[in-house]
Each structure stands twice: as structure tokens, then as C-alpha cells.
Amino acid sequence: MLKNLSWTKDLALLLARIALGVVFIVHGSQKLFTYGVAGTTDAFAGMGVPLPQAAAPVAAVVELVGGIALVLGAGVLVAGLLLVLDMLGAFFIVHASSGVFIENGGFELVAALGAGALVLAVVGAGRFSVDHLVASRRRSTQDAQNLSYAR
């Protein structure tokens, strides 16, 4: 079975992080650079998003920076949770009342993106990530310090 190969989980997490991260990056970039903050604010106001002047730039930055963080595997717990909150807002404020299908304004995309971000936040980034690299270096430094204290 694939789960018996130690690298398969890490490869799956890497591929999931990249796929989700790219989608978030594109949507955040669209909000910031294609529509601009003013256009996104107007769109949010038209959708009934509360405080659209604050919500638009926050959503844009969370999606862009959070997507980059997922791709790199850096701060995945925090990035994932912020993206989950972003998708929950989109779900409850805009999409839930329109049913499942996206062509009707439904929630299928925000649900899938939110669920993916939640899984990454809970499971972690895997070995092929900045998070793993940082944690490994911390462990090495702590091990070296413990050895010097033991002498």
C-alpha cells in the first residue's frame, strides 16, 4: 500500500499545498490587481458582505499571502486557519443560499478550498516544506544545546 511508503504522504501534502495554494494565489491576485481593492470592495458591497471596505483588502491579502504560504509550506497552520475563516465567510455570507453548484453562485469551490485548507492546517505541511526545514533546524539546535548541558 502507498501509506507504507514514507514519502507518499509528504508528496501528497506537497501536491495538495501547491494545488490549493495556486488557486488561492490567483483569487487573491485577482482581487488585488485585476479588480483592484476598489472593484473588489464594490463587488463585496453588492454581495452584501458586511464592512466591504475592510473585508475586501483582508480577503485579498489572506488569499494571496496564504496561498504563497501553502505553496512554500511556511506557516501552514496559521495560513490554513486564516484561509478557512476566509472561506467560511464566503460560504455563509455569499454562497450558501445559492446551493452547491458554482454556476448558480453556489458553495462548491469555497467548500472544497476551505476543507483543503483545514486539512493542511490540522495535518501540517509535510517534509517537503519550509515548516519542516525550520522544525528540523530547531531540533538540531536543541539537541546540540542538550549535549552541551549534559557535559
C-alpha atoms as a PDB file:
ATOM      1  CA  MET A   1       0.000   0.000   0.000  1.00  0.00           C
ATOM      2  CA  LEU A   2       1.094   3.557  -0.624  1.00  0.00           C
ATOM      3  CA  LYS A   3       0.745   4.557   3.014  1.00  0.00           C
ATOM      4  CA  ASN A   4       3.604   2.185   3.865  1.00  0.00           C
ATOM      5  CA  LEU A   5       5.977   4.300   1.746  1.00  0.00           C
ATOM      6  CA  SER A   6       7.175   7.122   3.984  1.00  0.00           C
ATOM      7  CA  TRP A   7       7.435   9.690   1.199  1.00  0.00           C
ATOM      8  CA  THR A   8       3.922   9.264  -0.234  1.00  0.00           C
ATOM      9  CA  LYS A   9       2.179  11.263   2.490  1.00  0.00           C
ATOM     10  CA  ASP A  10       4.693  14.068   2.133  1.00  0.00           C
ATOM     11  CA  LEU A  11       4.375  14.065  -1.654  1.00  0.00           C
ATOM     12  CA  ALA A  12       0.573  14.124  -1.385  1.00  0.00           C
ATOM     13  CA  LEU A  13       0.757  17.056   1.050  1.00  0.00           C
ATOM     14  CA  LEU A  14       3.133  18.899  -1.280  1.00  0.00           C
ATOM     15  CA  LEU A  15       0.842  18.401  -4.279  1.00  0.00           C
ATOM     16  CA  ALA A  16      -2.236  19.424  -2.265  1.00  0.00           C
ATOM     17  CA  ARG A  17      -0.452  22.514  -0.933  1.00  0.00           C
ATOM     18  CA  ILE A  18       0.600  23.546  -4.423  1.00  0.00           C
ATOM     19  CA  ALA A  19      -2.844  22.973  -5.956  1.00  0.00           C
ATOM     20  CA  LEU A  20      -4.717  24.814  -3.203  1.00  0.00           C
ATOM     21  CA  GLY A  21      -2.065  27.489  -2.905  1.00  0.00           C
ATOM     22  CA  VAL A  22      -2.152  28.315  -6.616  1.00  0.00           C
ATOM     23  CA  VAL A  23      -5.944  28.680  -6.564  1.00  0.00           C
ATOM     24  CA  PHE A  24      -5.749  30.981  -3.538  1.00  0.00           C
ATOM     25  CA  ILE A  25      -2.895  32.991  -5.113  1.00  0.00           C
ATOM     26  CA  VAL A  26      -4.866  33.501  -8.322  1.00  0.00           C
ATOM     27  CA  HIS A  27      -8.013  34.576  -6.462  1.00  0.00           C
ATOM     28  CA  GLY A  28      -6.114  36.917  -4.145  1.00  0.00           C
ATOM     29  CA  SER A  29      -4.200  38.410  -7.085  1.00  0.00           C
ATOM     30  CA  GLN A  30      -7.446  38.884  -8.960  1.00  0.00           C
ATOM     31  CA  LYS A  31      -8.937  40.780  -6.023  1.00  0.00           C
ATOM     32  CA  LEU A  32      -5.841  42.969  -5.622  1.00  0.00           C
ATOM     33  CA  PHE A  33      -4.590  43.505  -9.170  1.00  0.00           C
ATOM     34  CA  THR A  34      -7.310  42.658 -11.701  1.00  0.00           C
ATOM     35  CA  TYR A  35     -10.346  44.176  -9.989  1.00  0.00           C
ATOM     36  CA  GLY A  36      -8.308  46.270  -7.574  1.00  0.00           C
ATOM     37  CA  VAL A  37      -9.285  46.855  -3.975  1.00  0.00           C
ATOM     38  CA  ALA A  38     -11.917  49.409  -5.058  1.00  0.00           C
ATOM     39  CA  GLY A  39     -13.514  46.990  -7.529  1.00  0.00           C
ATOM     40  CA  THR A  40     -13.424  44.148  -5.027  1.00  0.00           C
ATOM     41  CA  THR A  41     -14.934  46.422  -2.378  1.00  0.00           C
ATOM     42  CA  ASP A  42     -17.769  47.336  -4.758  1.00  0.00           C
ATOM     43  CA  ALA A  43     -18.344  43.658  -5.583  1.00  0.00           C
ATOM     44  CA  PHE A  44     -18.358  42.728  -1.898  1.00  0.00           C
ATOM     45  CA  ALA A  45     -20.841  45.523  -1.168  1.00  0.00           C
ATOM     46  CA  GLY A  46     -23.089  44.225  -3.968  1.00  0.00           C
ATOM     47  CA  MET A  47     -22.968  40.731  -2.461  1.00  0.00           C
ATOM     48  CA  GLY A  48     -23.957  42.026   0.968  1.00  0.00           C
ATOM     49  CA  VAL A  49     -20.586  41.469   2.649  1.00  0.00           C
ATOM     50  CA  PRO A  50     -20.506  43.489   5.888  1.00  0.00           C
ATOM     51  CA  LEU A  51     -17.828  46.212   6.060  1.00  0.00           C
ATOM     52  CA  PRO A  52     -16.726  45.675   2.455  1.00  0.00           C
ATOM     53  CA  GLN A  53     -14.062  48.397   2.731  1.00  0.00           C
ATOM     54  CA  ALA A  54     -12.271  46.241   5.328  1.00  0.00           C
ATOM     55  CA  ALA A  55     -13.326  42.794   4.096  1.00  0.00           C
ATOM     56  CA  ALA A  56     -12.102  43.244   0.514  1.00  0.00           C
ATOM     57  CA  PRO A  57      -8.435  44.017   1.230  1.00  0.00           C
ATOM     58  CA  VAL A  58      -8.322  41.494   4.087  1.00  0.00           C
ATOM     59  CA  ALA A  59      -9.729  38.705   1.895  1.00  0.00           C
ATOM     60  CA  ALA A  60      -7.387  39.631  -0.964  1.00  0.00           C
ATOM     61  CA  VAL A  61      -4.270  39.642   1.218  1.00  0.00           C
ATOM     62  CA  VAL A  62      -5.248  36.482   3.127  1.00  0.00           C
ATOM     63  CA  GLU A  63      -5.812  34.624  -0.133  1.00  0.00           C
ATOM     64  CA  LEU A  64      -2.639  35.891  -1.836  1.00  0.00           C
ATOM     65  CA  VAL A  65      -0.254  35.586   1.112  1.00  0.00           C
ATOM     66  CA  GLY A  66      -1.970  32.465   2.458  1.00  0.00           C
ATOM     67  CA  GLY A  67      -1.695  30.829  -0.965  1.00  0.00           C
ATOM     68  CA  ILE A  68       2.007  31.650  -1.157  1.00  0.00           C
ATOM     69  CA  ALA A  69       2.469  30.244   2.362  1.00  0.00           C
ATOM     70  CA  LEU A  70       0.741  26.999   1.356  1.00  0.00           C
ATOM     71  CA  VAL A  71       2.910  26.573  -1.746  1.00  0.00           C
ATOM     72  CA  LEU A  72       6.076  27.134   0.287  1.00  0.00           C
ATOM     73  CA  GLY A  73       4.810  25.145   3.258  1.00  0.00           C
ATOM     74  CA  ALA A  74       5.585  28.090   5.532  1.00  0.00           C
ATOM     75  CA  GLY A  75       3.320  28.822   8.477  1.00  0.00           C
ATOM     76  CA  VAL A  76       0.762  26.340   7.186  1.00  0.00           C
ATOM     77  CA  LEU A  77      -1.126  26.143  10.486  1.00  0.00           C
ATOM     78  CA  VAL A  78      -1.764  29.895  10.591  1.00  0.00           C
ATOM     79  CA  ALA A  79      -2.217  30.305   6.835  1.00  0.00           C
ATOM     80  CA  GLY A  80      -4.596  27.345   6.682  1.00  0.00           C
ATOM     81  CA  LEU A  81      -6.731  28.615   9.542  1.00  0.00           C
ATOM     82  CA  LEU A  82      -6.917  32.135   8.079  1.00  0.00           C
ATOM     83  CA  LEU A  83      -7.941  30.674   4.727  1.00  0.00           C
ATOM     84  CA  VAL A  84     -10.582  28.515   6.434  1.00  0.00           C
ATOM     85  CA  LEU A  85     -12.027  31.642   8.088  1.00  0.00           C
ATOM     86  CA  ASP A  86     -11.970  33.428   4.721  1.00  0.00           C
ATOM     87  CA  MET A  87     -13.843  30.552   3.081  1.00  0.00           C
ATOM     88  CA  LEU A  88     -16.331  30.307   5.958  1.00  0.00           C
ATOM     89  CA  GLY A  89     -17.132  33.972   5.471  1.00  0.00           C
ATOM     90  CA  ALA A  90     -17.598  33.459   1.730  1.00  0.00           C
ATOM     91  CA  PHE A  91     -19.732  30.391   2.420  1.00  0.00           C
ATOM     92  CA  PHE A  92     -22.106  31.920   4.959  1.00  0.00           C
ATOM     93  CA  ILE A  93     -22.296  35.475   3.647  1.00  0.00           C
ATOM     94  CA  VAL A  94     -22.431  34.858  -0.098  1.00  0.00           C
ATOM     95  CA  HIS A  95     -22.653  31.281  -1.366  1.00  0.00           C
ATOM     96  CA  ALA A  96     -24.666  29.030   0.992  1.00  0.00           C
ATOM     97  CA  SER A  97     -28.038  30.373  -0.066  1.00  0.00           C
ATOM     98  CA  SER A  98     -27.306  29.609  -3.746  1.00  0.00           C
ATOM     99  CA  GLY A  99     -26.943  25.853  -3.393  1.00  0.00           C
ATOM    100  CA  VAL A 100     -23.983  23.711  -4.323  1.00  0.00           C
ATOM    101  CA  PHE A 101     -23.155  24.477  -7.942  1.00  0.00           C
ATOM    102  CA  ILE A 102     -20.799  27.318  -8.742  1.00  0.00           C
ATOM    103  CA  GLU A 103     -22.589  28.266 -11.966  1.00  0.00           C
ATOM    104  CA  ASN A 104     -25.504  29.316  -9.754  1.00  0.00           C
ATOM    105  CA  GLY A 105     -23.221  31.168  -7.332  1.00  0.00           C
ATOM    106  CA  GLY A 106     -23.094  28.101  -5.099  1.00  0.00           C
ATOM    107  CA  PHE A 107     -20.617  26.999  -2.477  1.00  0.00           C
ATOM    108  CA  GLU A 108     -18.768  24.079  -4.093  1.00  0.00           C
ATOM    109  CA  LEU A 109     -15.490  25.964  -4.634  1.00  0.00           C
ATOM    110  CA  VAL A 110     -15.363  27.690  -1.254  1.00  0.00           C
ATOM    111  CA  ALA A 111     -16.284  24.429   0.494  1.00  0.00           C
ATOM    112  CA  ALA A 112     -13.548  22.476  -1.286  1.00  0.00           C
ATOM    113  CA  LEU A 113     -10.942  25.187  -0.725  1.00  0.00           C
ATOM    114  CA  GLY A 114     -11.924  25.602   2.918  1.00  0.00           C
ATOM    115  CA  ALA A 115     -11.863  21.858   3.557  1.00  0.00           C
ATOM    116  CA  GLY A 116      -8.457  21.536   1.916  1.00  0.00           C
ATOM    117  CA  ALA A 117      -7.054  24.431   3.937  1.00  0.00           C
ATOM    118  CA  LEU A 118      -8.459  22.887   7.123  1.00  0.00           C
ATOM    119  CA  VAL A 119      -6.842  19.522   6.414  1.00  0.00           C
ATOM    120  CA  LEU A 120      -3.474  21.188   5.790  1.00  0.00           C
ATOM    121  CA  ALA A 121      -3.773  23.261   8.968  1.00  0.00           C
ATOM    122  CA  VAL A 122      -4.504  20.132  11.011  1.00  0.00           C
ATOM    123  CA  VAL A 123      -2.139  17.637   9.341  1.00  0.00           C
ATOM    124  CA  GLY A 124       0.703  20.053   8.606  1.00  0.00           C
ATOM    125  CA  ALA A 125       2.857  20.816   5.610  1.00  0.00           C
ATOM    126  CA  GLY A 126       4.833  17.575   5.438  1.00  0.00           C
ATOM    127  CA  ARG A 127       8.561  17.008   4.983  1.00  0.00           C
ATOM    128  CA  PHE A 128       8.819  18.911   1.701  1.00  0.00           C
ATOM    129  CA  SER A 129       8.197  22.305   3.283  1.00  0.00           C
ATOM    130  CA  VAL A 130       9.747  25.332   4.924  1.00  0.00           C
ATOM    131  CA  ASP A 131       7.920  24.386   8.143  1.00  0.00           C
ATOM    132  CA  HIS A 132       9.718  21.029   8.231  1.00  0.00           C
ATOM    133  CA  LEU A 133      13.071  22.636   7.478  1.00  0.00           C
ATOM    134  CA  VAL A 134      12.639  25.154  10.305  1.00  0.00           C
ATOM    135  CA  ALA A 135      11.481  22.472  12.747  1.00  0.00           C
ATOM    136  CA  SER A 136      14.438  20.233  11.816  1.00  0.00           C
ATOM    137  CA  ARG A 137      16.900  23.056  12.415  1.00  0.00           C
ATOM    138  CA  ARG A 138      15.286  23.849  15.769  1.00  0.00           C
ATOM    139  CA  ARG A 139      15.587  20.217  16.807  1.00  0.00           C
ATOM    140  CA  SER A 140      19.246  20.138  15.754  1.00  0.00           C
ATOM    141  CA  THR A 141      19.973  23.300  17.744  1.00  0.00           C
ATOM    142  CA  GLN A 142      18.121  21.958  20.792  1.00  0.00           C
ATOM    143  CA  ASP A 143      19.929  18.614  20.541  1.00  0.00           C
ATOM    144  CA  ALA A 144      23.282  20.415  20.402  1.00  0.00           C
ATOM    145  CA  GLN A 145      22.328  22.532  23.419  1.00  0.00           C
ATOM    146  CA  ASN A 146      21.189  19.456  25.351  1.00  0.00           C
ATOM    147  CA  LEU A 147      24.514  17.741  24.626  1.00  0.00           C
ATOM    148  CA  SER A 148      26.479  20.741  25.898  1.00  0.00           C
ATOM    149  CA  TYR A 149      24.383  20.848  29.085  1.00  0.00           C
ATOM    150  CA  ALA A 150      24.904  17.124  29.660  1.00  0.00           C
ATOM    151  CA  ARG A 151      28.698  17.537  29.789  1.00  0.00           C
END
